[in-house]
Amino acid sequence: MIEQEQVKKVALLARLEITPAEEKQLTKNLSSILEYFDQLSELDTENVEPTTRAIEISNITRPDELKPWTDREILLKQAPEQEGDFFRVPQILSE
């Protein structure tokens, strides 16, 4: 399905240095993958709705809750650096 010359070209474009043995192995592996996709394309998906996952999952994290912090001094003391009533952080943008 895919030829060794195509694998060489992709490796060159991706700037990968592969040995002749790796070329042969990749040719075999990629051909196998493409053959599998050919099999999948034969399936009738006319009445199948598109999905993002094969199985249903749900988010198990807790929802964010806004809570006011009661003791500002304790919070500021935990900061590596502070400047007045604020956290001091490294500058990331030029002036």
C-alpha atoms as a PDB file:
ATOM      1  CA  MET A   1       0.000   0.000   0.000  1.00  0.00           C
ATOM      2  CA  ILE A   2       2.821   2.419   0.811  1.00  0.00           C
ATOM      3  CA  GLU A   3       6.195   2.097  -0.850  1.00  0.00           C
ATOM      4  CA  GLN A   4       9.633   2.412   0.671  1.00  0.00           C
ATOM      5  CA  GLU A   5      10.348   5.474  -1.493  1.00  0.00           C
ATOM      6  CA  GLN A   6       7.366   7.238   0.095  1.00  0.00           C
ATOM      7  CA  VAL A   7       8.686   6.416   3.558  1.00  0.00           C
ATOM      8  CA  LYS A   8      12.094   7.836   2.559  1.00  0.00           C
ATOM      9  CA  LYS A   9      10.429  11.035   1.324  1.00  0.00           C
ATOM     10  CA  VAL A  10       8.397  11.482   4.520  1.00  0.00           C
ATOM     11  CA  ALA A  11      11.495  10.843   6.625  1.00  0.00           C
ATOM     12  CA  LEU A  12      13.388  13.448   4.609  1.00  0.00           C
ATOM     13  CA  LEU A  13      10.581  16.005   4.998  1.00  0.00           C
ATOM     14  CA  ALA A  14      10.391  15.293   8.733  1.00  0.00           C
ATOM     15  CA  ARG A  15      14.186  15.509   8.946  1.00  0.00           C
ATOM     16  CA  LEU A  16      14.425  12.008  10.376  1.00  0.00           C
ATOM     17  CA  GLU A  17      17.545   9.944   9.937  1.00  0.00           C
ATOM     18  CA  ILE A  18      16.429   6.346   9.518  1.00  0.00           C
ATOM     19  CA  THR A  19      18.405   3.292   8.527  1.00  0.00           C
ATOM     20  CA  PRO A  20      17.468   1.044   5.594  1.00  0.00           C
ATOM     21  CA  ALA A  21      16.226  -1.539   8.118  1.00  0.00           C
ATOM     22  CA  GLU A  22      14.009   1.103   9.747  1.00  0.00           C
ATOM     23  CA  GLU A  23      12.715   2.110   6.306  1.00  0.00           C
ATOM     24  CA  LYS A  24      11.611  -1.471   5.653  1.00  0.00           C
ATOM     25  CA  GLN A  25      10.008  -1.787   9.104  1.00  0.00           C
ATOM     26  CA  LEU A  26       8.211   1.555   8.796  1.00  0.00           C
ATOM     27  CA  THR A  27       6.997   0.649   5.306  1.00  0.00           C
ATOM     28  CA  LYS A  28       5.529  -2.575   6.689  1.00  0.00           C
ATOM     29  CA  ASN A  29       3.969  -0.870   9.742  1.00  0.00           C
ATOM     30  CA  LEU A  30       2.509   2.069   7.826  1.00  0.00           C
ATOM     31  CA  SER A  31       1.084  -0.244   5.175  1.00  0.00           C
ATOM     32  CA  SER A  32      -0.611  -2.252   7.910  1.00  0.00           C
ATOM     33  CA  ILE A  33      -2.130   0.910   9.401  1.00  0.00           C
ATOM     34  CA  LEU A  34      -3.366   2.148   6.020  1.00  0.00           C
ATOM     35  CA  GLU A  35      -4.886  -1.259   5.224  1.00  0.00           C
ATOM     36  CA  TYR A  36      -6.793  -1.094   8.511  1.00  0.00           C
ATOM     37  CA  PHE A  37      -8.157   2.331   7.573  1.00  0.00           C
ATOM     38  CA  ASP A  38      -9.248   0.899   4.222  1.00  0.00           C
ATOM     39  CA  GLN A  39     -11.199  -1.746   6.137  1.00  0.00           C
ATOM     40  CA  LEU A  40     -12.826   0.936   8.263  1.00  0.00           C
ATOM     41  CA  SER A  41     -13.864   2.899   5.181  1.00  0.00           C
ATOM     42  CA  GLU A  42     -15.932  -0.106   4.061  1.00  0.00           C
ATOM     43  CA  LEU A  43     -18.219   0.200   7.094  1.00  0.00           C
ATOM     44  CA  ASP A  44     -21.681   1.649   6.607  1.00  0.00           C
ATOM     45  CA  THR A  45     -21.808   4.755   8.788  1.00  0.00           C
ATOM     46  CA  GLU A  46     -24.840   6.351   7.169  1.00  0.00           C
ATOM     47  CA  ASN A  47     -26.990   6.324  10.333  1.00  0.00           C
ATOM     48  CA  VAL A  48     -24.183   6.732  12.875  1.00  0.00           C
ATOM     49  CA  GLU A  49     -23.938  10.114  14.571  1.00  0.00           C
ATOM     50  CA  PRO A  50     -20.476  11.661  14.791  1.00  0.00           C
ATOM     51  CA  THR A  51     -18.833  11.444  18.199  1.00  0.00           C
ATOM     52  CA  THR A  52     -15.657  12.702  19.797  1.00  0.00           C
ATOM     53  CA  ARG A  53     -15.056   9.516  21.807  1.00  0.00           C
ATOM     54  CA  ALA A  54     -15.753   5.841  21.504  1.00  0.00           C
ATOM     55  CA  ILE A  55     -17.003   5.684  25.099  1.00  0.00           C
ATOM     56  CA  GLU A  56     -18.898   8.145  27.262  1.00  0.00           C
ATOM     57  CA  ILE A  57     -16.922   9.838  29.985  1.00  0.00           C
ATOM     58  CA  SER A  58     -17.842  12.519  32.431  1.00  0.00           C
ATOM     59  CA  ASN A  59     -15.842  15.184  34.165  1.00  0.00           C
ATOM     60  CA  ILE A  60     -15.106  14.082  37.714  1.00  0.00           C
ATOM     61  CA  THR A  61     -13.566  17.330  38.887  1.00  0.00           C
ATOM     62  CA  ARG A  62     -15.400  19.527  41.310  1.00  0.00           C
ATOM     63  CA  PRO A  63     -16.984  22.744  40.068  1.00  0.00           C
ATOM     64  CA  ASP A  64     -15.112  25.956  40.805  1.00  0.00           C
ATOM     65  CA  GLU A  65     -16.513  27.889  43.731  1.00  0.00           C
ATOM     66  CA  LEU A  66     -15.690  31.510  44.404  1.00  0.00           C
ATOM     67  CA  LYS A  67     -14.833  32.033  48.066  1.00  0.00           C
ATOM     68  CA  PRO A  68     -13.460  35.242  49.515  1.00  0.00           C
ATOM     69  CA  TRP A  69     -10.132  34.931  51.345  1.00  0.00           C
ATOM     70  CA  THR A  70     -10.517  36.201  54.848  1.00  0.00           C
ATOM     71  CA  ASP A  71      -6.895  36.784  55.891  1.00  0.00           C
ATOM     72  CA  ARG A  72      -4.923  38.624  53.237  1.00  0.00           C
ATOM     73  CA  GLU A  73      -1.738  38.772  55.337  1.00  0.00           C
ATOM     74  CA  ILE A  74      -1.476  34.969  55.609  1.00  0.00           C
ATOM     75  CA  LEU A  75      -1.893  34.676  51.848  1.00  0.00           C
ATOM     76  CA  LEU A  76       0.729  37.334  51.108  1.00  0.00           C
ATOM     77  CA  LYS A  77       3.221  35.738  53.522  1.00  0.00           C
ATOM     78  CA  GLN A  78       3.091  32.515  51.466  1.00  0.00           C
ATOM     79  CA  ALA A  79       4.248  34.317  48.317  1.00  0.00           C
ATOM     80  CA  PRO A  80       7.919  34.001  47.360  1.00  0.00           C
ATOM     81  CA  GLU A  81       8.032  37.791  46.914  1.00  0.00           C
ATOM     82  CA  GLN A  82       5.573  40.546  47.630  1.00  0.00           C
ATOM     83  CA  GLU A  83       5.409  44.235  46.929  1.00  0.00           C
ATOM     84  CA  GLY A  84       3.044  46.068  49.229  1.00  0.00           C
ATOM     85  CA  ASP A  85      -0.354  44.366  49.056  1.00  0.00           C
ATOM     86  CA  PHE A  86       0.507  42.459  45.868  1.00  0.00           C
ATOM     87  CA  PHE A  87       2.418  39.386  44.710  1.00  0.00           C
ATOM     88  CA  ARG A  88       5.662  40.263  42.931  1.00  0.00           C
ATOM     89  CA  VAL A  89       6.196  38.187  39.786  1.00  0.00           C
ATOM     90  CA  PRO A  90       8.912  38.247  37.122  1.00  0.00           C
ATOM     91  CA  GLN A  91       8.312  40.632  34.229  1.00  0.00           C
ATOM     92  CA  ILE A  92       7.342  38.723  31.075  1.00  0.00           C
ATOM     93  CA  LEU A  93       6.578  41.607  28.718  1.00  0.00           C
ATOM     94  CA  SER A  94       8.952  44.339  27.681  1.00  0.00           C
ATOM     95  CA  GLU A  95       7.993  47.910  28.510  1.00  0.00           C
END
